[in-house]
Protein backbone atom coordinates (compact mmCIF):
# COMPACT_ATOMS: atom_id res chain seq x y z
CA MET A 1 -3.89 -19.81 1.68
CA LYS A 2 -0.66 -17.98 0.86
CA PRO A 3 0.62 -15.12 3.02
CA LEU A 4 0.09 -11.55 1.82
CA TYR A 5 3.68 -10.95 0.76
CA LYS A 6 3.60 -13.93 -1.59
CA ARG A 7 0.28 -12.93 -3.14
CA TYR A 8 1.04 -9.24 -3.66
CA ASN A 9 4.80 -9.22 -4.29
CA GLU A 10 4.42 -9.30 -8.10
CA GLN A 11 1.21 -7.24 -8.27
CA LYS A 12 1.15 -3.70 -9.68
CA PRO A 13 0.12 -1.03 -7.14
CA VAL A 14 -2.83 1.27 -7.77
CA GLY A 15 -1.38 4.08 -5.64
CA ILE A 16 1.85 5.36 -4.11
CA TYR A 17 2.39 7.52 -1.05
CA GLY A 18 5.98 8.77 -0.84
CA THR A 19 7.51 9.73 2.48
CA TYR A 20 11.22 10.54 2.19
CA PHE A 21 14.42 9.44 0.37
CA GLY A 22 12.64 7.05 -1.98
CA VAL A 23 10.81 5.31 0.85
CA GLY A 24 7.06 5.00 0.53
CA TYR A 25 3.89 3.00 0.79
CA LEU A 26 2.31 1.07 -2.07
CA PHE A 27 -1.46 0.63 -2.22
CA PHE A 28 -2.81 -2.55 -3.82
CA GLU A 29 -6.35 -3.39 -4.89
CA PRO A 30 -7.43 -6.46 -2.88
CA ILE A 31 -7.66 -9.76 -4.75
CA ASP A 32 -9.63 -12.95 -4.10
CA ASP A 33 -10.54 -13.42 -0.43
CA ASP A 34 -9.17 -10.05 0.65
CA LYS A 35 -11.95 -8.18 -1.19
CA PHE A 36 -14.37 -8.96 1.62
CA GLU A 37 -11.95 -8.15 4.46
CA CYS A 38 -10.33 -4.84 3.52
CA ASP A 39 -10.31 -1.87 1.15
CA PHE A 40 -6.56 -1.81 0.42
CA VAL A 41 -3.49 -3.93 1.00
CA ILE A 42 -0.58 -1.63 1.79
CA CYS A 43 3.12 -2.42 1.97
CA TYR A 44 6.27 -0.50 2.80
CA GLU A 45 8.88 -0.13 0.06
CA ARG A 46 12.47 0.98 0.56
CA PRO A 47 15.68 0.99 -1.50
CA SER A 48 17.94 -2.02 -1.04
CA LEU A 49 21.39 -2.69 -2.46
CA SER A 50 21.27 -6.39 -1.61
CA ASP A 51 18.09 -7.06 -3.60
CA PRO A 52 18.58 -7.50 -7.39
CA ARG A 53 15.46 -5.39 -8.07
CA GLY A 54 16.95 -2.43 -6.18
CA TYR A 55 14.11 -2.21 -3.66
CA THR A 56 12.52 -4.27 -0.91
CA ARG A 57 8.81 -4.57 -0.17
CA GLU A 58 7.83 -5.54 3.35
CA ASN A 59 5.16 -5.32 6.03
CA TYR A 60 2.07 -6.13 3.93
CA ARG A 61 -1.10 -5.30 5.86
CA ARG A 62 -4.83 -5.03 5.21
CA HIS A 63 -6.35 -1.57 5.73
CA ASN A 64 -9.84 -0.11 5.70
CA VAL A 65 -10.86 3.38 4.61
CA TYR A 66 -12.20 5.75 7.30
CA TYR A 67 -13.72 9.20 6.97
CA THR A 68 -13.31 12.41 8.97
CA THR A 69 -16.33 14.40 10.05
CA SER A 70 -15.83 16.66 7.03
CA GLY A 71 -15.90 13.62 4.71
CA ARG A 72 -12.17 13.30 3.92
CA ALA A 73 -11.10 9.67 3.32
CA TYR A 74 -7.99 8.23 4.99
CA VAL A 75 -6.31 4.99 6.03
CA ASN A 76 -4.60 4.56 9.38
CA ILE A 77 -0.96 3.46 8.91
CA ARG A 78 1.25 3.10 11.98
CA HIS A 79 -1.02 5.36 14.07
CA TRP A 80 -1.06 8.26 11.62
CA ARG A 81 -3.49 9.19 8.90
CA VAL A 82 -2.67 8.94 5.21
CA TYR A 83 -5.32 10.86 3.31
CA LEU A 84 -6.33 9.27 0.03
CA ASN A 85 -6.30 12.58 -1.82
CA GLU A 86 -2.52 12.71 -1.12
CA VAL A 87 -1.92 9.25 -2.62
CA MET A 88 -0.69 9.36 -6.21
CA ARG A 89 -2.69 7.05 -8.48
CA THR A 90 -0.60 4.82 -10.77
CA ASN A 91 -3.18 2.89 -12.84
CA GLY A 92 -0.94 -0.16 -12.46
CA TYR A 93 2.02 1.25 -14.43
CA TYR A 94 4.51 1.40 -11.55
């Protein structure tokens, strides 16, 4: 089985969460075997002058959706919560 970065590098994200200066997280719908293990595959994207595309995607990880006691959905990225209502949906056009 291929590693996550090889499987999702050319995929279109379903959501984007921007942080600062063009840096952000891309949310991917799981494919194949990942559908049964996680809810989203999330990677970190940052600008890069050395890459011909102009950006670099790295740190692909599987994430599950959790809920607060009030019912607000979030994923836990690097020990902080990213609420799904703050993620911009892209419909695969990014």
